[in-house]
C-alpha atoms as a PDB file:
ATOM      1  CA  MET A   1     114.650 125.173 100.103  1.00  0.00           C
ATOM      2  CA  SER A   2     112.800 123.298 103.519  1.00  0.00           C
ATOM      3  CA  LYS A   3     114.329 122.730 106.786  1.00  0.00           C
ATOM      4  CA  ILE A   4     113.056 118.870 107.196  1.00  0.00           C
ATOM      5  CA  ALA A   5     113.746 116.743 110.071  1.00  0.00           C
ATOM      6  CA  ILE A   6     113.100 112.946 109.887  1.00  0.00           C
ATOM      7  CA  ILE A   7     112.497 111.434 112.823  1.00  0.00           C
ATOM      8  CA  GLY A   8     113.415 107.512 112.718  1.00  0.00           C
ATOM      9  CA  GLY A   9     115.896 108.854 110.263  1.00  0.00           C
ATOM     10  CA  THR A  10     118.078 105.733 110.618  1.00  0.00           C
ATOM     11  CA  GLY A  11     115.525 103.702 109.499  1.00  0.00           C
ATOM     12  CA  ALA A  12     114.827 102.333 105.480  1.00  0.00           C
ATOM     13  CA  GLU A  13     112.196 104.762 105.387  1.00  0.00           C
ATOM     14  CA  GLY A  14     113.750 107.637 106.739  1.00  0.00           C
ATOM     15  CA  LEU A  15     116.879 107.633 104.789  1.00  0.00           C
ATOM     16  CA  GLY A  16     115.684 106.530 101.763  1.00  0.00           C
ATOM     17  CA  LEU A  17     113.339 110.342 102.565  1.00  0.00           C
ATOM     18  CA  ALA A  18     116.324 111.867 103.440  1.00  0.00           C
ATOM     19  CA  MET A  19     118.170 110.780 100.610  1.00  0.00           C
ATOM     20  CA  ARG A  20     115.157 112.247  98.018  1.00  0.00           C
ATOM     21  CA  PHE A  21     115.187 115.457 100.068  1.00  0.00           C
ATOM     22  CA  ALA A  22     118.572 115.946  99.857  1.00  0.00           C
ATOM     23  CA  LYS A  23     118.786 114.954  96.295  1.00  0.00           C
ATOM     24  CA  ALA A  24     116.071 117.638  95.504  1.00  0.00           C
ATOM     25  CA  GLY A  25     118.485 120.540  96.850  1.00  0.00           C
ATOM     26  CA  GLU A  26     116.359 120.158 100.515  1.00  0.00           C
ATOM     27  CA  GLN A  27     118.145 121.249 103.635  1.00  0.00           C
ATOM     28  CA  VAL A  28     117.777 117.665 105.885  1.00  0.00           C
ATOM     29  CA  PHE A  29     118.536 117.006 109.261  1.00  0.00           C
ATOM     30  CA  ILE A  30     117.978 113.520 110.128  1.00  0.00           C
ATOM     31  CA  GLY A  31     117.036 112.306 113.998  1.00  0.00           C
ATOM     32  CA  SER A  32     117.647 109.752 116.029  1.00  0.00           C
ATOM     33  CA  ARG A  33     117.726 108.800 119.648  1.00  0.00           C
ATOM     34  CA  ALA A  34     121.354 108.396 119.638  1.00  0.00           C
ATOM     35  CA  VAL A  35     123.387 111.113 117.734  1.00  0.00           C
ATOM     36  CA  GLU A  36     126.079 108.802 116.582  1.00  0.00           C
ATOM     37  CA  ARG A  37     123.696 106.960 114.677  1.00  0.00           C
ATOM     38  CA  ALA A  38     121.899 110.093 112.957  1.00  0.00           C
ATOM     39  CA  GLU A  39     125.130 111.025 111.824  1.00  0.00           C
ATOM     40  CA  GLU A  40     126.103 107.337 110.793  1.00  0.00           C
ATOM     41  CA  ALA A  41     123.233 108.078 108.684  1.00  0.00           C
ATOM     42  CA  ALA A  42     123.920 111.144 107.354  1.00  0.00           C
ATOM     43  CA  ASN A  43     127.113 110.090 106.380  1.00  0.00           C
ATOM     44  CA  LYS A  44     125.322 107.579 104.320  1.00  0.00           C
ATOM     45  CA  VAL A  45     123.318 110.268 102.317  1.00  0.00           C
ATOM     46  CA  LYS A  46     126.960 112.274 101.573  1.00  0.00           C
ATOM     47  CA  GLU A  47     128.580 109.264 100.387  1.00  0.00           C
ATOM     48  CA  LYS A  48     126.163 109.117  97.260  1.00  0.00           C
ATOM     49  CA  LEU A  49     124.786 112.365  97.413  1.00  0.00           C
ATOM     50  CA  PRO A  50     128.697 114.776  97.877  1.00  0.00           C
ATOM     51  CA  GLU A  51     126.772 117.968  97.421  1.00  0.00           C
ATOM     52  CA  ALA A  52     123.167 116.968  99.517  1.00  0.00           C
ATOM     53  CA  LYS A  53     122.671 119.562 102.390  1.00  0.00           C
ATOM     54  CA  VAL A  54     122.420 116.794 105.037  1.00  0.00           C
ATOM     55  CA  LYS A  55     123.374 116.472 109.107  1.00  0.00           C
ATOM     56  CA  GLY A  56     122.831 114.367 112.241  1.00  0.00           C
ATOM     57  CA  LEU A  57     121.416 115.100 115.260  1.00  0.00           C
ATOM     58  CA  THR A  58     119.496 114.164 118.481  1.00  0.00           C
ATOM     59  CA  ASN A  59     115.603 113.349 117.611  1.00  0.00           C
ATOM     60  CA  ALA A  60     114.969 116.999 119.297  1.00  0.00           C
ATOM     61  CA  GLU A  61     117.634 118.882 118.062  1.00  0.00           C
ATOM     62  CA  ALA A  62     116.356 117.863 114.014  1.00  0.00           C
ATOM     63  CA  VAL A  63     113.160 119.279 115.230  1.00  0.00           C
ATOM     64  CA  GLU A  64     114.482 122.566 116.588  1.00  0.00           C
ATOM     65  CA  GLN A  65     116.093 123.091 113.792  1.00  0.00           C
ATOM     66  CA  ALA A  66     113.318 121.836 110.510  1.00  0.00           C
ATOM     67  CA  THR A  67     110.169 123.486 109.631  1.00  0.00           C
ATOM     68  CA  VAL A  68     108.783 120.059 108.629  1.00  0.00           C
ATOM     69  CA  VAL A  69     109.044 117.147 110.986  1.00  0.00           C
ATOM     70  CA  PHE A  70     108.915 113.816 109.395  1.00  0.00           C
ATOM     71  CA  LEU A  71     107.573 110.977 111.439  1.00  0.00           C
ATOM     72  CA  THR A  72     109.194 107.610 109.886  1.00  0.00           C
ATOM     73  CA  VAL A  73     109.620 105.789 113.341  1.00  0.00           C
ATOM     74  CA  PRO A  74     108.243 102.111 114.059  1.00  0.00           C
ATOM     75  CA  TRP A  75     105.038 102.016 115.395  1.00  0.00           C
ATOM     76  CA  ASP A  76     105.693 100.997 118.689  1.00  0.00           C
ATOM     77  CA  ALA A  77     107.629 103.926 119.190  1.00  0.00           C
ATOM     78  CA  HIS A  78     105.118 106.024 118.046  1.00  0.00           C
ATOM     79  CA  GLN A  79     103.702 107.613 121.246  1.00  0.00           C
ATOM     80  CA  SER A  80     106.713 107.591 122.997  1.00  0.00           C
ATOM     81  CA  THR A  81     108.230 109.383 120.557  1.00  0.00           C
ATOM     82  CA  LEU A  82     105.137 112.078 120.134  1.00  0.00           C
ATOM     83  CA  GLU A  83     105.152 112.578 124.314  1.00  0.00           C
ATOM     84  CA  HIS A  84     108.818 113.162 124.006  1.00  0.00           C
ATOM     85  CA  LEU A  85     109.459 116.013 121.112  1.00  0.00           C
ATOM     86  CA  ALA A  86     104.958 117.445 120.956  1.00  0.00           C
ATOM     87  CA  GLU A  87     106.771 120.306 122.963  1.00  0.00           C
ATOM     88  CA  ALA A  88     109.425 121.286 120.702  1.00  0.00           C
ATOM     89  CA  ILE A  89     106.973 120.140 117.528  1.00  0.00           C
ATOM     90  CA  GLY A  90     104.402 122.959 118.515  1.00  0.00           C
ATOM     91  CA  GLU A  91     102.881 124.312 115.355  1.00  0.00           C
ATOM     92  CA  LYS A  92     105.236 122.889 113.061  1.00  0.00           C
ATOM     93  CA  ILE A  93     104.149 120.582 109.758  1.00  0.00           C
ATOM     94  CA  LEU A  94     104.016 116.758 111.277  1.00  0.00           C
ATOM     95  CA  VAL A  95     104.494 115.002 108.419  1.00  0.00           C
ATOM     96  CA  ASP A  96     103.248 111.175 109.677  1.00  0.00           C
ATOM     97  CA  VAL A  97     104.495 108.594 107.666  1.00  0.00           C
ATOM     98  CA  VAL A  98     103.939 105.116 110.822  1.00  0.00           C
ATOM     99  CA  VAL A  99     101.922 102.428 109.661  1.00  0.00           C
ATOM    100  CA  PRO A 100     100.484 100.869 112.831  1.00  0.00           C
ATOM    101  CA  MET A 101     101.273  97.218 111.611  1.00  0.00           C
ATOM    102  CA  LEU A 102     103.201  93.835 113.550  1.00  0.00           C
ATOM    103  CA  PHE A 103     104.201  90.738 111.752  1.00  0.00           C
ATOM    104  CA  ASP A 104     102.658  87.752 113.000  1.00  0.00           C
ATOM    105  CA  ARG A 105     104.565  84.502 111.937  1.00  0.00           C
ATOM    106  CA  GLY A 106     105.864  86.801 108.888  1.00  0.00           C
ATOM    107  CA  VAL A 107     102.841  87.985 108.009  1.00  0.00           C
ATOM    108  CA  PRO A 108     102.006  91.014 108.294  1.00  0.00           C
ATOM    109  CA  LYS A 109      98.902  93.050 109.900  1.00  0.00           C
ATOM    110  CA  ALA A 110      97.461  96.131 110.832  1.00  0.00           C
ATOM    111  CA  ILE A 111      96.854  97.157 114.795  1.00  0.00           C
ATOM    112  CA  PHE A 112      93.924  98.963 115.619  1.00  0.00           C
ATOM    113  CA  VAL A 113      94.606 102.306 117.019  1.00  0.00           C
ATOM    114  CA  ASP A 114      92.273 104.183 119.033  1.00  0.00           C
ATOM    115  CA  GLU A 115      92.000 107.541 117.736  1.00  0.00           C
ATOM    116  CA  GLY A 116      91.844 105.995 114.481  1.00  0.00           C
ATOM    117  CA  SER A 117      95.182 105.856 112.785  1.00  0.00           C
ATOM    118  CA  ALA A 118      98.842 106.762 113.621  1.00  0.00           C
ATOM    119  CA  ALA A 119      98.070 110.188 112.425  1.00  0.00           C
ATOM    120  CA  GLN A 120      95.194 110.827 114.262  1.00  0.00           C
ATOM    121  CA  GLN A 121      97.014 109.922 117.529  1.00  0.00           C
ATOM    122  CA  ALA A 122      99.733 111.889 116.656  1.00  0.00           C
ATOM    123  CA  ARG A 123      97.270 115.104 116.111  1.00  0.00           C
ATOM    124  CA  ALA A 124      96.202 114.010 119.709  1.00  0.00           C
ATOM    125  CA  LEU A 125      99.572 114.262 121.343  1.00  0.00           C
ATOM    126  CA  ALA A 126     101.408 116.886 119.379  1.00  0.00           C
ATOM    127  CA  ARG A 127      97.955 119.215 119.404  1.00  0.00           C
ATOM    128  CA  GLU A 128      99.615 122.485 118.069  1.00  0.00           C
ATOM    129  CA  ALA A 129     101.651 120.769 114.914  1.00  0.00           C
ATOM    130  CA  LYS A 130      99.087 120.770 112.010  1.00  0.00           C
ATOM    131  CA  VAL A 131      99.486 116.797 110.847  1.00  0.00           C
ATOM    132  CA  VAL A 132     100.266 115.353 107.595  1.00  0.00           C
ATOM    133  CA  SER A 133      99.668 111.825 106.896  1.00  0.00           C
ATOM    134  CA  ALA A 134     101.610 110.664 103.647  1.00  0.00           C
ATOM    135  CA  PHE A 135     104.450 109.095 102.099  1.00  0.00           C
ATOM    136  CA  HIS A 136     103.250 105.455 103.369  1.00  0.00           C
ATOM    137  CA  HIS A 137     103.090 103.625  99.481  1.00  0.00           C
ATOM    138  CA  LEU A 138     107.030 104.531  98.466  1.00  0.00           C
ATOM    139  CA  ASP A 139     109.164 101.447  99.224  1.00  0.00           C
ATOM    140  CA  GLY A 140     112.079 102.115 101.223  1.00  0.00           C
ATOM    141  CA  THR A 141     114.550 100.357  99.487  1.00  0.00           C
ATOM    142  CA  ASP A 142     113.753 102.261  95.964  1.00  0.00           C
ATOM    143  CA  LEU A 143     113.903 105.498  98.376  1.00  0.00           C
ATOM    144  CA  GLN A 144     117.843 104.612  98.737  1.00  0.00           C
ATOM    145  CA  ASN A 145     118.420 104.386  95.159  1.00  0.00           C
ATOM    146  CA  ALA A 146     119.004 108.309  94.319  1.00  0.00           C
ATOM    147  CA  ASP A 147     120.040 107.482  91.268  1.00  0.00           C
ATOM    148  CA  ARG A 148     116.765 105.822  90.170  1.00  0.00           C
ATOM    149  CA  PRO A 149     113.576 107.781  89.393  1.00  0.00           C
ATOM    150  CA  MET A 150     110.874 106.344  91.467  1.00  0.00           C
ATOM    151  CA  GLN A 151     107.282 105.500  90.338  1.00  0.00           C
ATOM    152  CA  GLY A 152     104.169 106.227  91.888  1.00  0.00           C
ATOM    153  CA  ASP A 153     101.202 108.140  93.435  1.00  0.00           C
ATOM    154  CA  VAL A 154     101.654 109.893  96.860  1.00  0.00           C
ATOM    155  CA  LEU A 155      98.250 110.025  98.200  1.00  0.00           C
ATOM    156  CA  VAL A 156      98.249 113.074 101.036  1.00  0.00           C
ATOM    157  CA  CYS A 157      95.552 113.720 104.177  1.00  0.00           C
ATOM    158  CA  GLY A 158      95.559 116.682 106.154  1.00  0.00           C
ATOM    159  CA  ASP A 159      93.044 118.720 107.595  1.00  0.00           C
ATOM    160  CA  HIS A 160      95.306 121.992 107.295  1.00  0.00           C
ATOM    161  CA  LYS A 161      95.009 123.513 103.815  1.00  0.00           C
ATOM    162  CA  GLY A 162      98.040 125.424 104.095  1.00  0.00           C
ATOM    163  CA  ALA A 163     100.168 122.392 105.551  1.00  0.00           C
ATOM    164  CA  LYS A 164      98.762 119.994 102.795  1.00  0.00           C
ATOM    165  CA  LYS A 165     100.219 121.998 100.089  1.00  0.00           C
ATOM    166  CA  THR A 166     103.285 122.572 101.336  1.00  0.00           C
ATOM    167  CA  VAL A 167     103.485 118.427 101.892  1.00  0.00           C
ATOM    168  CA  MET A 168     102.399 117.730  98.176  1.00  0.00           C
ATOM    169  CA  ASP A 169     104.900 120.120  97.077  1.00  0.00           C
ATOM    170  CA  LEU A 170     107.568 118.544  99.126  1.00  0.00           C
ATOM    171  CA  VAL A 171     106.437 115.257  97.436  1.00  0.00           C
ATOM    172  CA  GLU A 172     106.852 116.518  93.780  1.00  0.00           C
ATOM    173  CA  LYS A 173     110.317 117.332  94.569  1.00  0.00           C
ATOM    174  CA  VAL A 174     110.414 113.467  94.248  1.00  0.00           C
ATOM    175  CA  GLU A 175     111.537 112.556  91.026  1.00  0.00           C
ATOM    176  CA  TYR A 176     108.550 111.292  88.622  1.00  0.00           C
ATOM    177  CA  VAL A 177     106.033 111.044  91.964  1.00  0.00           C
ATOM    178  CA  ARG A 178     102.769 112.565  92.022  1.00  0.00           C
ATOM    179  CA  ALA A 179     101.113 113.825  94.714  1.00  0.00           C
ATOM    180  CA  LEU A 180      97.106 113.799  95.260  1.00  0.00           C
ATOM    181  CA  ASP A 181      95.091 114.923  97.561  1.00  0.00           C
ATOM    182  CA  ALA A 182      93.846 111.826  99.598  1.00  0.00           C
ATOM    183  CA  GLY A 183      91.104 113.762 101.994  1.00  0.00           C
ATOM    184  CA  PRO A 184      90.703 114.989 105.187  1.00  0.00           C
ATOM    185  CA  LEU A 185      93.153 113.241 108.239  1.00  0.00           C
ATOM    186  CA  SER A 186      89.760 110.755 109.538  1.00  0.00           C
ATOM    187  CA  ASN A 187      91.317 108.943 105.709  1.00  0.00           C
ATOM    188  CA  SER A 188      94.594 108.536 106.883  1.00  0.00           C
ATOM    189  CA  ARG A 189      93.320 104.798 108.371  1.00  0.00           C
ATOM    190  CA  TYR A 190      93.240 103.565 104.898  1.00  0.00           C
ATOM    191  CA  LEU A 191      96.343 104.739 103.924  1.00  0.00           C
ATOM    192  CA  GLU A 192      97.949 103.388 106.914  1.00  0.00           C
ATOM    193  CA  GLU A 193      96.114  99.828 105.950  1.00  0.00           C
ATOM    194  CA  PHE A 194      96.383  99.674 102.434  1.00  0.00           C
ATOM    195  CA  THR A 195     100.527  99.769 103.358  1.00  0.00           C
ATOM    196  CA  VAL A 196      99.798  96.764 105.055  1.00  0.00           C
ATOM    197  CA  LEU A 197      98.672  94.603 102.040  1.00  0.00           C
ATOM    198  CA  LEU A 198     101.240  96.216 100.063  1.00  0.00           C
ATOM    199  CA  LEU A 199     103.660  94.347 101.700  1.00  0.00           C
ATOM    200  CA  GLN A 200     101.479  91.353 101.943  1.00  0.00           C
ATOM    201  CA  ILE A 201     101.544  91.477  97.828  1.00  0.00           C
ATOM    202  CA  ASN A 202     105.495  92.796  97.539  1.00  0.00           C
ATOM    203  CA  LYS A 203     106.290  88.911  99.721  1.00  0.00           C
ATOM    204  CA  GLN A 204     103.584  87.592  97.380  1.00  0.00           C
ATOM    205  CA  TYR A 205     105.449  88.707  93.942  1.00  0.00           C
ATOM    206  CA  LYS A 206     109.154  89.994  95.446  1.00  0.00           C
ATOM    207  CA  ALA A 207     108.572  93.015  94.000  1.00  0.00           C
ATOM    208  CA  HIS A 208     108.268  96.401  95.518  1.00  0.00           C
ATOM    209  CA  SER A 209     104.833  97.281  94.678  1.00  0.00           C
ATOM    210  CA  GLY A 210     103.335 101.177  94.830  1.00  0.00           C
ATOM    211  CA  VAL A 211      99.954 102.799  93.989  1.00  0.00           C
ATOM    212  CA  ARG A 212      99.313 104.233  90.803  1.00  0.00           C
ATOM    213  CA  ILE A 213      95.861 106.029  90.957  1.00  0.00           C
ATOM    214  CA  THR A 214      94.931 106.352  87.257  1.00  0.00           C
ATOM    215  CA  GLY A 215      91.396 108.384  85.606  1.00  0.00           C
ATOM    216  CA  VAL A 216      93.332 111.608  87.421  1.00  0.00           C
END
């Protein structure tokens, strides 16, 4: 059983991941800047999954308890959150799910990142962490419907083989979801930018689209 911290766990994606991992029997610590919001999110998980091992904590407390840390904050909080938590994260596995983007008159647009991607910025800020980029293409609303199986593949980028293997194993704790090795962390920009395209497709078709790689 893994001990998973989800920083930004009160948002749609973070809460959805918390529900899926809790359903799989993992121990989950939902982090937020305000402990009241984290506890509220944990209670939402318990309402759907009464047996869930989940607790709401401050971000720093959640990181301290965990072996794997998921970062699911909005892009504008990415840098400041990591600056605050880098020391606490230390050498732990850090899964960056953040997409550098904004909405321009309702249209999602990717943001250029000096380091190349959010995940590469994370590596620059949390220098000791084993950074992995993953889980960008699973819809947060669908993740929260924990009684329904998900569909799609999760593409996983990273430079540390052991950390990537751990994250790929966690991916496949989500029912009917497959993990695929998408290469080094430098490929993370493609995962992040493709998420923006999926959001545009979702808007066009009023859908919750994902990714499925064929032929593999």
